[in-house]
Structure formats: C-alpha cells, structure tokens
N, C-alpha and C. Protein backbone atom coordinates (compact mmCIF):
# COMPACT_ATOMS: atom_id res chain seq x y z
N MET A 1 0.82 -1.19 0.00
CA MET A 1 0.00 0.00 0.00
C MET A 1 0.87 1.26 0.00
N TYR A 2 1.98 1.24 0.73
CA TYR A 2 2.81 2.43 0.79
C TYR A 2 3.38 2.80 -0.57
N GLY A 3 3.63 1.82 -1.40
CA GLY A 3 4.20 2.09 -2.73
C GLY A 3 3.25 2.90 -3.59
N LYS A 4 1.99 2.50 -3.59
CA LYS A 4 0.96 3.22 -4.36
C LYS A 4 0.80 4.63 -3.82
N ASN A 5 0.77 4.77 -2.49
CA ASN A 5 0.63 6.09 -1.88
C ASN A 5 1.83 6.98 -2.18
N LEU A 6 3.02 6.41 -2.12
CA LEU A 6 4.23 7.19 -2.42
C LEU A 6 4.20 7.69 -3.86
N LYS A 7 3.85 6.82 -4.77
CA LYS A 7 3.79 7.22 -6.19
C LYS A 7 2.75 8.31 -6.40
N GLN A 8 1.59 8.16 -5.78
CA GLN A 8 0.53 9.17 -5.91
C GLN A 8 0.99 10.52 -5.35
N LEU A 9 1.66 10.50 -4.21
CA LEU A 9 2.17 11.74 -3.62
C LEU A 9 3.22 12.39 -4.52
N ARG A 10 4.11 11.57 -5.05
CA ARG A 10 5.17 12.08 -5.95
C ARG A 10 4.56 12.73 -7.18
N LEU A 11 3.61 12.05 -7.79
CA LEU A 11 2.99 12.58 -9.00
C LEU A 11 2.16 13.83 -8.72
N SER A 12 1.56 13.90 -7.53
CA SER A 12 0.76 15.09 -7.18
C SER A 12 1.62 16.35 -7.09
N LYS A 13 2.91 16.16 -6.82
CA LYS A 13 3.85 17.29 -6.77
C LYS A 13 4.56 17.48 -8.11
N GLY A 14 4.25 16.63 -9.08
CA GLY A 14 4.87 16.74 -10.39
C GLY A 14 6.35 16.37 -10.40
N LEU A 15 6.73 15.45 -9.53
CA LEU A 15 8.14 15.07 -9.40
C LEU A 15 8.43 13.77 -10.13
N THR A 16 9.62 13.67 -10.68
CA THR A 16 10.10 12.40 -11.21
C THR A 16 10.68 11.60 -10.05
N GLN A 17 10.92 10.33 -10.29
CA GLN A 17 11.56 9.52 -9.26
C GLN A 17 12.94 10.08 -8.94
N LYS A 18 13.65 10.52 -9.94
CA LYS A 18 14.99 11.07 -9.72
C LYS A 18 14.94 12.34 -8.87
N GLN A 19 13.98 13.21 -9.15
CA GLN A 19 13.86 14.44 -8.36
C GLN A 19 13.54 14.13 -6.90
N LEU A 20 12.61 13.20 -6.69
CA LEU A 20 12.26 12.83 -5.31
C LEU A 20 13.45 12.18 -4.61
N ALA A 21 14.18 11.37 -5.35
CA ALA A 21 15.37 10.73 -4.77
C ALA A 21 16.37 11.78 -4.28
N GLU A 22 16.57 12.82 -5.06
CA GLU A 22 17.49 13.88 -4.65
C GLU A 22 16.99 14.59 -3.41
N ILE A 23 15.69 14.84 -3.34
CA ILE A 23 15.10 15.51 -2.18
C ILE A 23 15.27 14.65 -0.92
N LEU A 24 15.09 13.35 -1.08
CA LEU A 24 15.14 12.43 0.07
C LEU A 24 16.52 11.84 0.31
N ASN A 25 17.50 12.30 -0.46
CA ASN A 25 18.88 11.85 -0.31
C ASN A 25 19.02 10.33 -0.48
N THR A 26 18.47 9.86 -1.59
CA THR A 26 18.57 8.44 -1.93
C THR A 26 18.76 8.34 -3.44
N THR A 27 18.55 7.17 -4.01
CA THR A 27 18.73 6.99 -5.44
C THR A 27 17.37 6.78 -6.12
N GLN A 28 17.36 7.00 -7.42
CA GLN A 28 16.14 6.79 -8.20
C GLN A 28 15.72 5.33 -8.13
N ILE A 29 16.66 4.43 -8.16
CA ILE A 29 16.33 3.00 -8.11
C ILE A 29 15.66 2.65 -6.78
N ASN A 30 16.07 3.29 -5.69
CA ASN A 30 15.42 3.04 -4.41
C ASN A 30 13.98 3.55 -4.40
N ILE A 31 13.75 4.70 -5.02
CA ILE A 31 12.39 5.22 -5.11
C ILE A 31 11.53 4.25 -5.92
N SER A 32 12.07 3.78 -7.03
CA SER A 32 11.36 2.81 -7.86
C SER A 32 11.03 1.55 -7.06
N ARG A 33 12.00 1.04 -6.33
CA ARG A 33 11.80 -0.17 -5.54
C ARG A 33 10.79 0.04 -4.41
N LEU A 34 10.79 1.24 -3.84
CA LEU A 34 9.79 1.55 -2.81
C LEU A 34 8.40 1.60 -3.42
N GLU A 35 8.27 2.25 -4.57
CA GLU A 35 6.96 2.35 -5.22
C GLU A 35 6.43 0.98 -5.63
N LEU A 36 7.32 0.09 -5.99
CA LEU A 36 6.92 -1.27 -6.37
C LEU A 36 6.85 -2.21 -5.17
N GLU A 37 7.20 -1.70 -4.00
CA GLU A 37 7.23 -2.44 -2.74
C GLU A 37 8.16 -3.65 -2.82
N ILE A 38 9.25 -3.48 -3.55
CA ILE A 38 10.28 -4.53 -3.62
C ILE A 38 11.14 -4.48 -2.36
N ILE A 39 11.33 -3.27 -1.84
CA ILE A 39 12.04 -3.12 -0.57
C ILE A 39 11.10 -2.49 0.45
N ASP A 40 11.37 -2.73 1.71
CA ASP A 40 10.56 -2.18 2.78
C ASP A 40 11.03 -0.77 3.14
N LEU A 41 10.10 0.01 3.62
CA LEU A 41 10.42 1.35 4.11
C LEU A 41 11.21 1.24 5.41
N SER A 42 12.29 1.98 5.49
CA SER A 42 12.99 2.08 6.77
C SER A 42 12.31 3.16 7.59
N THR A 43 12.58 3.16 8.86
CA THR A 43 12.02 4.21 9.72
C THR A 43 12.51 5.58 9.27
N ASP A 44 13.79 5.67 8.95
CA ASP A 44 14.37 6.94 8.51
C ASP A 44 13.70 7.44 7.23
N MET A 45 13.49 6.57 6.26
CA MET A 45 12.87 6.98 5.00
C MET A 45 11.40 7.34 5.22
N THR A 46 10.72 6.62 6.09
CA THR A 46 9.33 6.94 6.40
C THR A 46 9.23 8.36 6.95
N ILE A 47 10.12 8.70 7.85
CA ILE A 47 10.13 10.05 8.45
C ILE A 47 10.41 11.10 7.39
N LYS A 48 11.39 10.86 6.52
CA LYS A 48 11.72 11.82 5.47
C LYS A 48 10.53 12.05 4.53
N ILE A 49 9.89 10.97 4.13
CA ILE A 49 8.74 11.09 3.22
C ILE A 49 7.60 11.84 3.90
N CYS A 50 7.30 11.49 5.13
CA CYS A 50 6.20 12.13 5.85
C CYS A 50 6.46 13.62 6.06
N LYS A 51 7.68 13.97 6.40
CA LYS A 51 8.01 15.39 6.58
C LYS A 51 7.91 16.15 5.27
N TYR A 52 8.45 15.58 4.20
CA TYR A 52 8.44 16.28 2.91
C TYR A 52 7.01 16.50 2.41
N PHE A 53 6.18 15.47 2.48
CA PHE A 53 4.82 15.59 1.96
C PHE A 53 3.82 16.07 3.00
N ASP A 54 4.27 16.30 4.23
CA ASP A 54 3.42 16.76 5.33
C ASP A 54 2.23 15.82 5.53
N ILE A 55 2.54 14.55 5.69
CA ILE A 55 1.52 13.53 5.91
C ILE A 55 1.90 12.70 7.13
N SER A 56 0.95 11.90 7.59
CA SER A 56 1.24 11.00 8.71
C SER A 56 1.77 9.67 8.18
N ALA A 57 2.47 8.97 9.02
CA ALA A 57 2.95 7.63 8.66
C ALA A 57 1.74 6.71 8.44
N ASP A 58 0.66 6.91 9.19
CA ASP A 58 -0.55 6.10 9.00
C ASP A 58 -1.09 6.27 7.58
N TYR A 59 -1.07 7.49 7.06
CA TYR A 59 -1.53 7.71 5.69
C TYR A 59 -0.61 7.01 4.70
N LEU A 60 0.68 7.20 4.86
CA LEU A 60 1.65 6.60 3.94
C LEU A 60 1.50 5.08 3.91
N LEU A 61 1.30 4.50 5.08
CA LEU A 61 1.21 3.04 5.18
C LEU A 61 -0.18 2.49 4.86
N GLY A 62 -1.13 3.38 4.59
CA GLY A 62 -2.46 2.95 4.21
C GLY A 62 -3.36 2.57 5.38
N ILE A 63 -2.97 2.99 6.58
CA ILE A 63 -3.77 2.69 7.76
C ILE A 63 -4.99 3.60 7.84
N GLU A 64 -4.81 4.84 7.40
CA GLU A 64 -5.94 5.79 7.38
C GLU A 64 -5.90 6.56 6.06
N ASN A 65 -7.05 7.10 5.69
CA ASN A 65 -7.17 7.86 4.44
C ASN A 65 -6.73 9.28 4.60
C-alpha cells in the first residue's frame, strides 16, 4: 500500500523519481523499488517522506485515508 501512496504523492507534486530521490537523499532506483514495494520502508525513510509531503505515517502506510 505504501508504494501506491508514495507514487501518488510524488505525481501530485509533479516530481520524477529522480527528483524525489534527490530531495530524500537516496537513489532513483530506491524510489522505484519503494513504489513497487520490492524493498521495505525504513524508519528513517518513512520520516523523510512524511516530513516532505506533510503527511502521517498512517496515511503513507495505508492505515488511514
């Protein structure tokens, strides 16, 4: 669920995976893997994403709308 939410958030800001990767201090391949849920979110990455998009971890993880 977090992968779909991350992609939706990224697209809502008009960002490419590469641009978001630079903002979050990671690589484009990691963003791709997160969106496809090939890798799990770390606590650190969850915090970075939530702060950047001003959302709760519950929203990102699909616990609440």
